[in-house]
Amino acid sequence: APSEHAIDGKRTAMEAHFVHAAPEGGLLVAGVFMVPGAANAAFSSLMAAAPRKAGDKTLAAPLDPAGFLPSARGTYRYEGSLTTPPCSEIVDWNVFGAPIEVAQADIDAFRAIFPMNARPLQAVNRRFLLRLN
């Protein structure tokens, strides 16, 4: 929080990242924008189980990642880097253009644990940015 990507220079309240590792070391990350609105059952269950201090906690039931996907599946794609150190440029990014809604209370609960958990926006530089509808 806030989102680490922006559309037309505008960030959203949060962004979820789903990281997939290839055996040879490359990564594919799917990013999903999150905005305040109706409760999202998947995110609400995750935040209800989130530890409020350092430590591990197990979810009561498996989490279906499909609950985090927007109904509109258009994406932006580009080759980029990790958003955490060492910021290695090994990531194929797929960022959904449409956000999902999550409850403001869940956003507040996340921010109570992680007050600022985002890399500053980065310049596109010479990257090719593809928009797929």
Protein backbone atom coordinates (compact mmCIF):
# COMPACT_ATOMS: atom_id res chain seq x y z
CA ALA A 1 0.00 0.00 0.00
CA PRO A 2 -0.22 2.17 -1.99
CA SER A 3 -0.05 0.47 -5.39
CA GLU A 4 3.38 0.17 -6.98
CA HIS A 5 1.98 0.74 -10.47
CA ALA A 6 -0.12 3.64 -11.74
CA ILE A 7 -2.42 4.20 -14.69
CA ASP A 8 -2.29 7.73 -16.10
CA GLY A 9 -0.15 8.68 -13.10
CA LYS A 10 -2.77 7.58 -10.55
CA ARG A 11 -2.02 5.00 -7.87
CA THR A 12 -4.70 2.97 -6.12
CA ALA A 13 -5.01 2.28 -2.38
CA MET A 14 -3.26 -1.09 -2.68
CA GLU A 15 -1.90 -3.64 -5.13
CA ALA A 16 -1.63 -7.41 -4.67
CA HIS A 17 1.21 -9.32 -6.33
CA PHE A 18 1.08 -13.01 -7.22
CA VAL A 19 4.62 -14.24 -7.86
CA HIS A 20 5.30 -17.29 -10.04
CA ALA A 21 8.88 -18.62 -10.26
CA ALA A 22 10.29 -20.46 -13.28
CA PRO A 23 12.79 -23.27 -12.64
CA GLU A 24 15.53 -21.29 -14.44
CA GLY A 25 15.07 -18.30 -12.14
CA GLY A 26 12.79 -15.90 -14.02
CA LEU A 27 9.62 -14.60 -12.43
CA LEU A 28 6.14 -13.79 -13.67
CA VAL A 29 4.18 -11.47 -11.41
CA ALA A 30 0.47 -10.75 -11.75
CA GLY A 31 -0.52 -7.44 -10.17
CA VAL A 32 -4.06 -6.55 -9.12
CA PHE A 33 -5.11 -3.02 -8.13
CA MET A 34 -7.29 -2.73 -5.02
CA VAL A 35 -9.65 0.17 -4.30
CA PRO A 36 -12.00 0.90 -1.37
CA GLY A 37 -15.53 -0.36 -1.88
CA ALA A 38 -17.48 -3.53 -1.25
CA ALA A 39 -15.88 -6.22 0.89
CA ASN A 40 -13.89 -8.87 -0.98
CA ALA A 41 -14.31 -12.25 0.76
CA ALA A 42 -10.83 -13.49 -0.18
CA PHE A 43 -9.04 -10.38 1.07
CA SER A 44 -11.24 -10.10 4.17
CA SER A 45 -10.40 -13.68 5.18
CA LEU A 46 -6.71 -12.99 4.64
CA MET A 47 -6.79 -9.84 6.76
CA ALA A 48 -8.83 -11.55 9.51
CA ALA A 49 -6.03 -14.13 9.83
CA ALA A 50 -3.09 -11.73 9.42
CA PRO A 51 -0.81 -11.61 12.48
CA ARG A 52 -0.79 -8.19 14.11
CA LYS A 53 2.83 -8.61 15.21
CA ALA A 54 5.83 -10.55 13.90
CA GLY A 55 5.20 -14.25 13.54
CA ASP A 56 3.45 -16.88 11.49
CA LYS A 57 -0.23 -17.63 11.28
CA THR A 58 -2.04 -20.28 9.26
CA LEU A 59 -5.30 -19.68 7.41
CA ALA A 60 -8.25 -21.76 8.62
CA ALA A 61 -9.01 -22.85 5.03
CA PRO A 62 -7.18 -22.70 1.69
CA LEU A 63 -7.43 -19.36 -0.07
CA ASP A 64 -8.70 -19.33 -3.66
CA PRO A 65 -6.59 -16.76 -5.55
CA ALA A 66 -9.38 -16.39 -8.14
CA GLY A 67 -11.16 -14.27 -5.50
CA PHE A 68 -8.51 -11.60 -6.10
CA LEU A 69 -9.02 -11.32 -9.86
CA PRO A 70 -11.08 -8.58 -11.51
CA SER A 71 -13.88 -9.60 -13.86
CA ALA A 72 -12.30 -7.53 -16.67
CA ARG A 73 -9.13 -9.37 -17.63
CA GLY A 74 -7.30 -6.75 -19.70
CA THR A 75 -3.66 -6.42 -18.67
CA TYR A 76 -0.58 -4.30 -19.09
CA ARG A 77 2.60 -6.29 -19.74
CA TYR A 78 6.24 -5.34 -19.58
CA GLU A 79 9.65 -6.70 -18.60
CA GLY A 80 10.83 -5.16 -15.35
CA SER A 81 12.30 -5.74 -11.93
CA LEU A 82 11.47 -6.92 -8.47
CA THR A 83 10.01 -4.13 -6.34
CA THR A 84 12.10 -5.15 -3.33
CA PRO A 85 15.90 -5.26 -3.02
CA PRO A 86 17.94 -6.31 -4.89
CA CYS A 87 15.39 -5.10 -7.54
CA SER A 88 16.73 -7.65 -10.04
CA GLU A 89 15.43 -7.18 -13.58
CA ILE A 90 14.03 -10.72 -13.94
CA VAL A 91 10.27 -10.10 -13.86
CA ASP A 92 7.67 -10.42 -16.58
CA TRP A 93 4.92 -8.17 -15.21
CA ASN A 94 1.21 -8.64 -15.98
CA VAL A 95 -0.84 -5.94 -14.27
CA PHE A 96 -4.63 -6.07 -14.54
CA GLY A 97 -6.03 -2.72 -15.66
CA ALA A 98 -9.30 -3.08 -13.73
CA PRO A 99 -9.20 -3.01 -9.92
CA ILE A 100 -11.03 -5.15 -7.42
CA GLU A 101 -12.95 -3.60 -4.54
CA VAL A 102 -11.97 -4.37 -0.96
CA ALA A 103 -13.41 -3.08 2.31
CA GLN A 104 -11.87 0.13 3.66
CA ALA A 105 -11.59 -1.62 7.06
CA ASP A 106 -9.36 -4.29 5.46
CA ILE A 107 -7.18 -1.62 3.81
CA ASP A 108 -6.87 0.10 7.21
CA ALA A 109 -5.96 -3.23 8.88
CA PHE A 110 -3.21 -3.82 6.29
CA ARG A 111 -1.84 -0.31 6.72
CA ALA A 112 -1.78 -0.77 10.50
CA ILE A 113 0.65 -3.66 9.94
CA PHE A 114 2.52 -2.13 6.98
CA PRO A 115 2.17 1.70 7.09
CA MET A 116 4.18 2.16 3.87
CA ASN A 117 4.87 -0.95 1.86
CA ALA A 118 5.49 0.27 -1.68
CA ARG A 119 8.37 1.21 -3.91
CA PRO A 120 8.21 4.70 -5.41
CA LEU A 121 6.90 4.84 -8.96
CA GLN A 122 9.64 4.13 -11.50
CA ALA A 123 10.14 5.65 -14.93
CA VAL A 124 9.17 3.46 -17.89
CA ASN A 125 12.55 4.27 -19.46
CA ARG A 126 13.02 2.29 -22.68
CA ARG A 127 10.67 -0.56 -21.78
CA PHE A 128 7.92 -1.69 -24.10
CA LEU A 129 4.54 -1.49 -22.37
CA LEU A 130 1.88 -3.67 -23.96
CA ARG A 131 -1.82 -3.20 -23.27
CA LEU A 132 -3.87 -6.35 -23.88
CA ASN A 133 -7.65 -6.21 -23.73
